[in-house]
Protein backbone atom coordinates (compact mmCIF):
# COMPACT_ATOMS: atom_id res chain seq x y z
CA MET A 1 27.23 -13.29 10.08
CA ASP A 2 24.86 -15.93 8.62
CA ILE A 3 21.17 -15.35 8.01
CA SER A 4 20.06 -17.04 11.24
CA GLN A 5 22.26 -14.78 13.34
CA GLU A 6 21.10 -11.73 11.40
CA PHE A 7 17.48 -12.75 11.89
CA ASN A 8 18.01 -13.09 15.65
CA ARG A 9 19.53 -9.62 15.69
CA TYR A 10 16.53 -8.29 13.72
CA VAL A 11 14.05 -9.86 16.15
CA ASP A 12 15.92 -8.30 19.06
CA HIS A 13 15.64 -4.95 17.29
CA LEU A 14 11.88 -5.33 16.76
CA SER A 15 11.27 -6.67 20.27
CA ALA A 16 12.07 -3.26 21.72
CA GLY A 17 8.73 -2.13 20.25
CA LEU A 18 6.66 -4.90 21.87
CA GLY A 19 6.59 -3.58 25.42
CA HIS A 20 7.29 -6.88 27.22
CA ALA A 21 10.21 -9.27 26.93
CA ASP A 22 7.91 -12.31 27.12
CA ARG A 23 6.54 -11.39 23.67
CA HIS A 24 9.93 -12.01 22.05
CA ALA A 25 9.24 -15.72 21.45
CA GLY A 26 5.90 -14.95 19.81
CA LEU A 27 7.52 -12.42 17.48
CA SER A 28 10.32 -14.79 16.51
CA GLY A 29 8.02 -17.77 16.00
CA TYR A 30 5.40 -15.89 14.01
CA CYS A 31 7.89 -14.18 11.68
CA THR A 32 9.71 -17.48 11.20
CA GLY A 33 6.45 -19.16 10.19
CA LEU A 34 5.68 -16.37 7.73
CA MET A 35 9.03 -16.86 6.02
CA LEU A 36 8.74 -20.63 5.64
CA PRO A 37 7.64 -22.13 2.30
CA LEU A 38 4.11 -23.00 3.42
CA SER A 39 1.04 -22.90 1.19
CA ARG A 40 -1.08 -21.49 4.03
CA LYS A 41 0.31 -19.08 6.60
CA SER A 42 -2.42 -18.92 9.18
CA VAL A 43 -1.56 -19.65 12.81
CA GLU A 44 -2.07 -23.41 12.96
CA PRO A 45 0.05 -24.57 9.99
CA MET A 46 2.82 -22.15 11.00
CA ALA A 47 2.83 -23.50 14.56
CA ALA A 48 3.00 -27.08 13.26
CA ARG A 49 6.16 -26.26 11.29
CA VAL A 50 7.86 -23.89 13.72
CA ASP A 51 7.57 -26.27 16.68
CA PRO A 52 6.36 -29.67 15.39
CA LEU A 53 6.93 -31.49 18.70
CA HIS A 54 4.72 -29.01 20.59
CA ALA A 55 2.40 -27.89 17.82
CA SER A 56 -0.75 -27.50 19.90
CA ALA A 57 0.93 -25.46 22.63
CA ARG A 58 2.74 -23.31 20.08
CA HIS A 59 -0.54 -22.76 18.21
CA GLN A 60 -2.17 -21.40 21.35
CA ALA A 61 0.82 -19.17 22.09
CA LEU A 62 1.01 -17.74 18.58
CA HIS A 63 -2.75 -17.21 18.44
CA HIS A 64 -2.63 -15.25 21.70
CA PHE A 65 0.34 -13.22 20.47
CA VAL A 66 -1.35 -12.16 17.24
CA ALA A 67 -5.00 -11.89 18.30
CA LYS A 68 -4.95 -10.85 21.96
CA SER A 69 -1.60 -9.41 23.01
CA GLU A 70 -1.66 -5.61 23.42
CA TRP A 71 1.47 -4.54 21.58
CA SER A 72 1.62 -1.52 19.28
CA ASP A 73 1.53 -2.05 15.51
CA SER A 74 2.89 1.45 14.89
CA GLN A 75 5.91 0.94 17.13
CA VAL A 76 6.85 -2.37 15.49
CA MET A 77 6.31 -0.90 12.00
CA ALA A 78 8.55 2.02 12.93
CA ARG A 79 11.33 -0.37 13.92
CA VAL A 80 10.90 -2.32 10.66
CA ARG A 81 11.16 0.98 8.78
CA ASP A 82 14.28 2.02 10.70
CA TRP A 83 15.96 -1.32 9.91
CA VAL A 84 15.23 -1.27 6.17
CA MET A 85 15.48 2.45 5.40
CA PRO A 86 19.30 2.78 5.49
CA SER A 87 19.56 0.13 2.75
CA LEU A 88 17.03 1.72 0.38
CA GLY A 89 19.37 4.35 -1.06
CA LEU A 90 16.86 7.18 -0.70
CA ASP A 91 19.45 9.83 -1.56
CA SER A 92 19.10 8.90 -5.23
CA GLY A 93 15.31 9.33 -5.17
CA CYS A 94 12.65 8.93 -2.47
CA TYR A 95 9.00 8.07 -3.11
CA TRP A 96 5.97 7.76 -0.85
CA ILE A 97 3.52 5.38 -2.47
CA ILE A 98 -0.13 5.31 -1.41
CA ASP A 99 -2.33 2.38 -2.35
CA ASP A 100 -4.89 -0.06 -1.00
CA THR A 101 -5.35 -3.79 -1.31
CA GLY A 102 -8.34 -6.09 -0.87
CA PHE A 103 -8.84 -9.52 0.64
CA PRO A 104 -11.94 -11.52 -0.43
CA LYS A 105 -13.88 -12.62 2.64
CA LYS A 106 -17.21 -14.35 3.14
CA GLY A 107 -19.74 -13.57 5.85
CA ARG A 108 -20.25 -10.22 7.57
CA HIS A 109 -18.53 -10.57 10.94
CA SER A 110 -14.84 -10.31 10.02
CA VAL A 111 -13.83 -6.74 10.82
CA GLY A 112 -14.43 -4.29 7.97
CA VAL A 113 -15.83 -6.86 5.54
CA ALA A 114 -18.35 -5.35 3.13
CA ARG A 115 -19.36 -5.46 -0.48
CA GLN A 116 -16.86 -3.10 -2.10
CA TYR A 117 -14.34 -3.03 -4.94
CA CYS A 118 -11.66 -5.70 -4.54
CA GLY A 119 -8.57 -5.28 -6.72
CA GLN A 120 -7.66 -8.94 -6.26
CA LEU A 121 -10.94 -9.95 -7.91
CA GLY A 122 -11.24 -6.94 -10.22
CA LYS A 123 -14.87 -6.38 -9.22
CA GLN A 124 -17.26 -5.56 -6.37
CA ASP A 125 -17.51 -8.36 -3.83
CA ASN A 126 -17.36 -9.09 -0.11
CA CYS A 127 -13.86 -8.20 1.05
CA GLN A 128 -11.68 -6.31 3.49
CA VAL A 129 -9.62 -3.37 2.19
CA ALA A 130 -6.52 -1.86 3.79
CA VAL A 131 -4.72 1.40 2.96
CA SER A 132 -0.93 1.52 3.05
CA LEU A 133 1.95 3.94 2.69
CA SER A 134 5.20 2.52 1.29
CA LEU A 135 8.61 4.14 1.35
CA ALA A 136 10.42 3.40 -1.92
CA SER A 137 13.54 4.01 -3.97
CA ALA A 138 14.68 2.66 -7.31
CA GLN A 139 16.26 -0.25 -5.41
CA GLY A 140 13.38 -1.42 -3.20
CA SER A 141 10.43 -0.51 -1.00
CA ILE A 142 8.77 -1.30 2.31
CA PRO A 143 5.29 -0.48 3.68
CA ILE A 144 5.65 1.85 6.67
CA ALA A 145 1.94 2.29 7.54
CA TYR A 146 -1.04 -0.02 7.13
CA GLN A 147 -4.66 0.43 8.24
CA LEU A 148 -7.95 -1.32 7.57
CA TYR A 149 -10.58 0.79 5.83
CA LEU A 150 -13.75 0.66 7.95
CA PRO A 151 -16.83 1.17 5.72
CA LYS A 152 -19.60 3.50 6.90
CA ASP A 153 -22.01 0.71 7.86
CA TRP A 154 -19.31 -0.83 10.04
CA ALA A 155 -18.32 2.47 11.60
CA ALA A 156 -21.96 3.09 12.54
CA ASP A 157 -22.68 -0.42 13.91
CA PRO A 158 -21.84 -0.54 17.66
CA VAL A 159 -22.67 -4.24 17.96
CA ARG A 160 -20.29 -5.41 15.25
CA ARG A 161 -17.66 -2.88 16.33
CA LYS A 162 -17.66 -4.27 19.87
CA ALA A 163 -17.58 -7.89 18.73
CA ALA A 164 -14.61 -7.20 16.44
CA GLY A 165 -12.76 -5.07 18.99
CA VAL A 166 -12.76 -1.88 16.89
CA PRO A 167 -11.31 0.91 19.07
CA GLU A 168 -13.88 3.44 20.26
CA THR A 169 -11.75 6.24 18.86
CA GLN A 170 -11.80 4.74 15.36
CA ALA A 171 -14.27 6.88 13.40
CA PHE A 172 -15.18 6.57 9.74
CA ALA A 173 -12.55 7.95 7.38
CA THR A 174 -12.31 7.78 3.60
CA LYS A 175 -9.31 6.07 2.05
CA PRO A 176 -7.70 9.41 1.03
CA GLU A 177 -8.24 10.67 4.59
CA ILE A 178 -6.53 7.56 6.00
CA ALA A 179 -3.64 8.05 3.57
CA LEU A 180 -3.21 11.70 4.58
CA MET A 181 -3.19 10.70 8.25
CA GLN A 182 -0.48 8.11 7.53
CA MET A 183 1.62 10.69 5.72
CA ARG A 184 1.25 13.26 8.50
CA GLN A 185 2.38 10.68 11.04
CA ALA A 186 5.39 9.80 8.87
CA VAL A 187 6.36 13.47 8.62
CA VAL A 188 6.14 13.84 12.41
CA ALA A 189 8.30 10.70 12.77
CA GLY A 190 11.01 12.35 10.65
CA VAL A 191 10.79 10.01 7.66
CA SER A 192 12.68 11.31 4.62
CA MET A 193 10.25 13.26 2.45
CA GLY A 194 9.69 12.18 -1.12
CA VAL A 195 7.42 12.49 -4.14
CA VAL A 196 3.95 11.11 -3.34
CA LEU A 197 2.54 8.62 -5.85
CA ALA A 198 -1.04 7.33 -5.94
CA ASP A 199 -3.65 6.10 -8.40
CA ALA A 200 -6.81 7.93 -9.47
CA GLY A 201 -8.77 6.68 -6.46
CA TYR A 202 -6.69 9.13 -4.43
CA GLY A 203 -5.39 11.61 -6.99
CA ASP A 204 -8.87 12.66 -8.10
CA GLU A 205 -9.53 14.03 -4.60
CA THR A 206 -8.59 17.71 -4.54
CA ALA A 207 -8.34 17.68 -0.74
CA PHE A 208 -5.84 14.81 -0.96
CA ARG A 209 -3.62 16.68 -3.41
CA ASP A 210 -3.88 19.88 -1.37
CA GLY A 211 -2.97 17.93 1.77
CA ILE A 212 0.24 16.68 0.15
CA THR A 213 1.19 20.22 -0.87
CA GLU A 214 0.53 21.45 2.67
CA LEU A 215 2.97 18.81 3.94
CA GLY A 216 5.64 20.33 1.69
CA MET A 217 5.91 17.46 -0.80
CA ARG A 218 5.44 17.11 -4.53
CA TYR A 219 3.13 14.54 -6.07
CA ALA A 220 2.48 12.58 -9.24
CA VAL A 221 -1.00 11.08 -8.96
CA GLY A 222 -3.47 9.47 -11.29
CA ILE A 223 -6.73 11.20 -12.24
CA ARG A 224 -9.78 10.08 -14.18
CA PRO A 225 -10.53 11.04 -17.80
CA ALA A 226 -13.45 13.24 -16.76
CA THR A 227 -11.37 15.38 -14.38
CA THR A 228 -11.49 19.00 -15.55
CA VAL A 229 -8.62 21.44 -15.95
CA TRP A 230 -7.97 24.80 -17.54
CA ALA A 231 -6.21 24.18 -20.83
CA PRO A 232 -3.04 26.14 -21.69
CA GLY A 233 -3.87 29.79 -22.37
CA THR A 234 -7.16 29.71 -20.44
CA ALA A 235 -8.05 30.55 -16.86
CA PRO A 236 -11.04 31.52 -14.70
CA LEU A 237 -12.35 35.03 -15.20
CA PRO A 238 -11.69 37.56 -12.43
CA PRO A 239 -14.55 38.58 -10.11
CA LYS A 240 -17.19 40.87 -11.56
CA ALA A 241 -16.55 44.57 -11.32
CA TRP A 242 -18.03 46.10 -8.19
CA SER A 243 -21.00 48.32 -8.86
CA GLY A 244 -20.42 50.32 -5.69
CA ARG A 245 -23.40 48.77 -3.99
CA GLY A 246 -23.57 45.73 -1.72
CA THR A 247 -20.73 43.31 -1.11
CA ARG A 248 -17.72 43.54 -3.40
CA PRO A 249 -17.60 40.40 -5.66
CA THR A 250 -14.60 38.18 -4.90
CA ARG A 251 -15.32 34.84 -6.60
CA LEU A 252 -13.74 33.69 -9.82
CA ARG A 253 -16.08 33.16 -12.76
CA ARG A 254 -16.79 30.85 -15.66
CA GLU A 255 -18.79 31.81 -18.73
CA PRO A 256 -19.79 30.04 -21.95
CA GLY A 257 -16.70 29.89 -24.12
CA ASN A 258 -14.42 30.23 -21.11
CA GLU A 259 -14.77 26.97 -19.21
CA PRO A 260 -12.47 24.14 -18.12
CA VAL A 261 -12.28 20.94 -20.16
CA ALA A 262 -12.06 17.24 -19.30
CA VAL A 263 -8.50 15.95 -19.54
CA LYS A 264 -9.61 13.33 -22.06
CA ALA A 265 -10.98 15.98 -24.41
CA LEU A 266 -7.81 18.02 -24.02
CA ALA A 267 -5.63 14.97 -24.76
CA MET A 268 -7.58 13.99 -27.85
CA ALA A 269 -7.12 17.50 -29.28
CA LEU A 270 -3.33 17.68 -28.83
CA PRO A 271 -1.33 17.86 -32.07
CA GLU A 272 0.63 14.78 -33.12
CA GLN A 273 4.01 16.39 -32.48
CA THR A 274 3.16 16.74 -28.78
CA TRP A 275 3.55 12.99 -28.25
CA CYS A 276 6.88 11.28 -27.60
CA ILE A 277 7.98 7.69 -27.02
CA VAL A 278 9.58 7.32 -23.57
CA THR A 279 11.34 4.27 -22.10
CA TRP A 280 11.32 4.27 -18.30
CA ARG A 281 12.99 0.99 -17.24
CA GLU A 282 13.96 -2.54 -18.18
CA GLY A 283 11.15 -5.04 -17.72
CA THR A 284 11.48 -8.78 -17.23
CA ASN A 285 11.65 -9.51 -20.94
CA SER A 286 12.02 -6.14 -22.65
CA GLU A 287 12.19 -2.38 -22.20
CA LEU A 288 9.06 -0.72 -20.84
CA ARG A 289 8.08 2.11 -23.15
CA SER A 290 5.01 3.99 -24.27
CA ARG A 291 3.84 7.29 -25.80
CA PHE A 292 3.41 10.33 -23.56
CA ALA A 293 2.60 14.04 -23.63
CA GLY A 294 3.02 16.70 -20.96
CA VAL A 295 0.96 19.91 -20.80
CA ARG A 296 0.89 22.73 -18.25
CA VAL A 297 -2.66 23.16 -16.88
CA ARG A 298 -4.56 24.49 -13.87
CA PRO A 299 -6.82 22.12 -11.90
CA ALA A 300 -10.36 23.44 -12.04
CA HIS A 301 -12.24 21.66 -9.25
CA ARG A 302 -14.77 24.14 -7.82
CA ASP A 303 -12.49 27.09 -8.35
CA TYR A 304 -15.60 29.21 -9.00
CA GLN A 305 -16.26 28.96 -5.26
CA GLY A 306 -12.89 30.49 -4.45
CA THR A 307 -11.11 33.77 -4.87
CA GLN A 308 -7.71 32.62 -6.17
CA MET A 309 -6.70 30.60 -9.19
CA ARG A 310 -4.99 27.29 -8.54
CA ALA A 311 -1.32 27.06 -9.43
CA GLU A 312 -0.25 25.50 -12.71
CA GLU A 313 0.74 21.83 -12.72
CA TRP A 314 1.79 19.26 -15.27
CA LEU A 315 -0.83 17.07 -16.88
CA LEU A 316 0.95 13.90 -17.96
CA ILE A 317 -0.91 11.69 -20.43
CA GLU A 318 -0.10 8.17 -21.60
CA TRP A 319 -1.45 7.08 -24.98
CA PRO A 320 0.13 3.80 -26.09
CA GLU A 321 0.53 3.28 -29.81
CA GLY A 322 -2.30 1.20 -31.20
CA GLU A 323 -4.82 2.33 -28.57
CA ALA A 324 -7.93 4.22 -29.65
CA GLU A 325 -7.55 6.79 -26.86
CA PRO A 326 -5.27 7.69 -23.95
CA THR A 327 -5.16 5.11 -21.16
CA LYS A 328 -3.77 7.04 -18.19
CA TYR A 329 -3.77 10.62 -16.90
CA PHE A 330 -1.70 12.13 -14.09
CA LEU A 331 -1.37 15.48 -12.35
CA THR A 332 2.07 16.27 -11.01
CA THR A 333 3.64 19.21 -9.23
CA ALA A 334 7.02 18.43 -10.79
CA PRO A 335 9.12 21.57 -11.41
CA GLN A 336 8.17 23.60 -14.47
CA ASP A 337 11.48 22.71 -16.12
CA ALA A 338 11.09 18.96 -15.55
CA THR A 339 11.59 16.85 -18.66
CA LEU A 340 9.01 14.42 -19.97
CA GLU A 341 11.42 11.54 -19.27
CA GLN A 342 11.85 12.61 -15.64
CA MET A 343 8.10 12.85 -15.06
CA VAL A 344 7.44 9.46 -16.64
CA PHE A 345 10.18 7.78 -14.59
CA VAL A 346 8.84 9.20 -11.32
CA THR A 347 5.21 8.44 -12.09
CA LYS A 348 5.99 4.86 -13.07
CA MET A 349 7.68 4.18 -9.71
CA ARG A 350 4.23 3.15 -8.49
CA TRP A 351 5.12 -0.36 -9.70
CA ARG A 352 6.98 -0.76 -6.43
CA ILE A 353 3.76 -1.02 -4.40
CA GLU A 354 2.50 -3.68 -6.79
CA ARG A 355 5.69 -5.64 -6.13
CA ASP A 356 5.22 -5.16 -2.38
CA TYR A 357 1.71 -6.58 -2.45
CA GLN A 358 2.68 -9.39 -4.79
CA ASP A 359 5.43 -10.57 -2.47
CA LEU A 360 3.44 -9.96 0.71
CA LYS A 361 0.49 -11.99 -0.52
CA GLN A 362 2.30 -14.77 -2.31
CA ASP A 363 5.29 -15.25 -0.02
CA PHE A 364 4.38 -13.77 3.38
CA GLY A 365 0.72 -14.71 3.95
CA LEU A 366 -0.62 -11.15 4.15
CA GLY A 367 -4.17 -12.31 3.36
CA HIS A 368 -4.08 -15.58 5.33
CA TYR A 369 -5.27 -14.37 8.71
CA GLU A 370 -8.43 -16.22 9.75
CA GLY A 371 -9.47 -14.21 12.80
CA ARG A 372 -12.26 -11.66 12.82
CA GLY A 373 -10.91 -8.94 15.09
CA TRP A 374 -9.36 -5.52 14.51
CA ARG A 375 -6.28 -6.22 16.62
CA GLY A 376 -5.50 -9.59 15.03
CA PHE A 377 -5.98 -8.22 11.51
CA HIS A 378 -3.46 -5.44 12.08
CA HIS A 379 -1.04 -7.56 14.14
CA HIS A 380 -0.89 -10.21 11.40
CA ALA A 381 -0.32 -7.58 8.70
CA THR A 382 2.40 -5.90 10.79
CA LEU A 383 4.20 -9.21 11.24
CA SER A 384 3.88 -10.04 7.53
CA ILE A 385 5.47 -6.68 6.76
CA ALA A 386 8.13 -7.33 9.41
CA ALA A 387 9.03 -10.66 7.77
CA TYR A 388 9.07 -8.98 4.36
CA GLY A 389 11.22 -6.15 5.74
CA PHE A 390 13.89 -8.51 6.98
CA LEU A 391 14.31 -10.24 3.65
CA MET A 392 13.99 -6.96 1.74
CA ALA A 393 16.93 -5.63 3.74
CA GLN A 394 18.88 -8.82 3.01
CA ARG A 395 18.13 -8.49 -0.67
CA LEU A 396 19.19 -4.84 -0.74
CA LYS A 397 22.43 -5.58 1.10
CA ALA A 398 23.14 -8.35 -1.40
CA GLY A 399 22.83 -5.72 -4.15
CA SER A 400 20.14 -7.52 -6.12
CA ASP A 401 16.48 -6.74 -6.50
CA ALA A 402 16.00 -10.06 -8.31
CA GLY A 403 16.13 -12.05 -5.09
CA SER A 404 19.16 -13.65 -3.46
CA LYS A 405 17.88 -17.08 -2.57
CA LYS A 406 21.07 -18.77 -3.67
CA ASN A 407 23.02 -16.66 -1.18
CA PHE A 408 21.20 -18.04 1.83
CA ALA A 409 21.75 -21.45 3.38
CA GLN A 410 18.58 -23.50 3.08
CA ARG A 411 17.54 -26.00 5.71
CA GLN A 412 14.78 -28.53 5.43
CA VAL A 413 11.55 -27.60 7.19
CA PRO A 414 10.94 -30.12 10.01
CA ALA A 415 8.18 -32.58 9.30
CA VAL A 416 5.01 -32.66 11.37
CA PRO A 417 4.93 -35.64 13.75
CA GLU A 418 2.83 -38.55 12.52
CA ASP A 419 0.58 -38.41 15.59
CA TYR A 420 -0.20 -34.70 15.19
CA ILE A 421 -3.92 -34.06 14.64
CA PRO A 422 -4.85 -30.66 13.17
CA ARG A 423 -7.20 -28.46 15.20
CA GLY A 424 -10.72 -28.84 13.88
CA SER A 425 -10.20 -32.44 12.78
CA PRO A 426 -13.06 -34.85 13.74
CA ALA A 427 -10.44 -36.64 15.83
CA ARG A 428 -9.90 -33.57 17.98
CA ALA A 429 -12.74 -31.20 18.73
CA ALA A 430 -11.75 -27.64 19.52
CA SER A 431 -13.41 -24.29 20.07
CA ARG A 432 -13.69 -22.10 17.00
CA SER A 433 -14.87 -18.94 18.68
CA GLY A 434 -13.51 -15.75 17.24
CA LEU A 435 -12.22 -17.34 14.07
CA ASP A 436 -13.44 -16.96 10.53
CA HIS A 437 -13.04 -20.34 8.87
CA ASP A 438 -14.22 -19.24 5.43
CA ALA A 439 -10.99 -19.74 3.56
CA THR A 440 -9.59 -16.69 1.84
CA PRO A 441 -8.97 -17.34 -1.86
CA ALA A 442 -5.34 -17.64 -2.88
CA PRO A 443 -3.73 -14.31 -3.83
CA GLU A 444 -3.89 -13.23 -7.40
CA ARG A 445 -1.16 -14.44 -9.73
CA ARG A 446 0.04 -12.00 -12.31
CA THR A 447 0.85 -13.17 -15.77
CA GLY A 448 4.45 -13.18 -16.90
CA GLN A 449 7.57 -14.32 -15.15
CA ARG A 450 8.38 -12.63 -11.85
CA SER A 451 11.65 -10.79 -11.76
CA GLY A 452 12.66 -12.70 -8.64
CA THR A 453 11.43 -14.19 -5.40
CA LEU A 454 12.43 -13.46 -1.87
CA PRO A 455 14.23 -16.26 -0.04
CA SER A 456 12.62 -18.30 2.70
CA LEU A 457 14.10 -18.10 6.16
CA PRO A 458 15.92 -21.27 7.18
CA LEU A 459 14.40 -22.80 10.29
CA GLY A 460 16.87 -23.06 13.14
CA LYS A 461 17.43 -26.44 14.75
């Protein structure tokens, strides 16, 4: 079966989640456009390439499909997940990776846009931020949940909410709260459980870590240098002895000389023999290796307000040679007999989400949507992930994570007719209502050679 036939089979599989058969053409056309080698993957340029002889009509149809049509993102994402998951090889190791990604955006009317930290820019700026959950193995990964983070000022602004079509049931939630909701939904859906990985923006939240444990999963999450723990051999003091009068004391205690310490201070005091060089995988040009230490500790966050000590966990610390101090800290509920090499390998699997976002932004137009509404934002992201999922499955079946472009027949993208006039051109006035025409900056480009690119879908004749 060639790639075009396989793609048609994939679209048929996804169409079962759309609700109406007449949405099949929109799904096929939009995903096709996202997989073509276009510099800009917003609706108009995709329509001009997918159906060059009827570009204007196709533009209107695709715009309606992504911005107005009432199909369920979660149902389509579930079908993408079900298609890709059998090829991931989860039996050899399953990981749930939590992360968020930002899209620079001007103005204030695009849904969720606010001045906040944007990883793409590496600073605070106007942007939209979405939280995702990816299902990963050593072979590949695929996002299985994706939701826009709605800042407090947006959540509390009924005028902007209504204009952007934010559902009435959508209340404010922090990013860790969104991530926990995504994981709970995945558990209910019967997704294979794995080790949860996240950076310090999530791992520093005690409620987030506790929520993972309550779901019955282990975690390996980043924490900040100032996070406090009980060092080996120390613990909270038991409640004070009861005097026989009043309420019996039940809370744990801290006293001068018996207090938790910041993980940075603990790391800096570890003896030299604690540190070991660990190699965790082959990089593009060389082995990836660094210096690590693992120590059994107890998290200390507000334990003085409770009556029971927290269970011991591993504190994993990375201190590369040549650095003045440790660079990364992690808490993990790996088994007590886990080796340092095992913990490093698992923790470093977070690179998969970085690969997801790199491919989704550079090759599948994840940040190219120009509309302002809640529905369009999520529909476009779902379709970008659907396009990515198809070619991820192809890559996994081909047995290569480095991309299998040479294995797929390539066809030339049809040219746009000479008499075609782009929407918005002075030669053809058109309504711009509901669109945000402030161009989104191109996605970030990481330094170093990429280990491989996903192939572009050949356009059927």
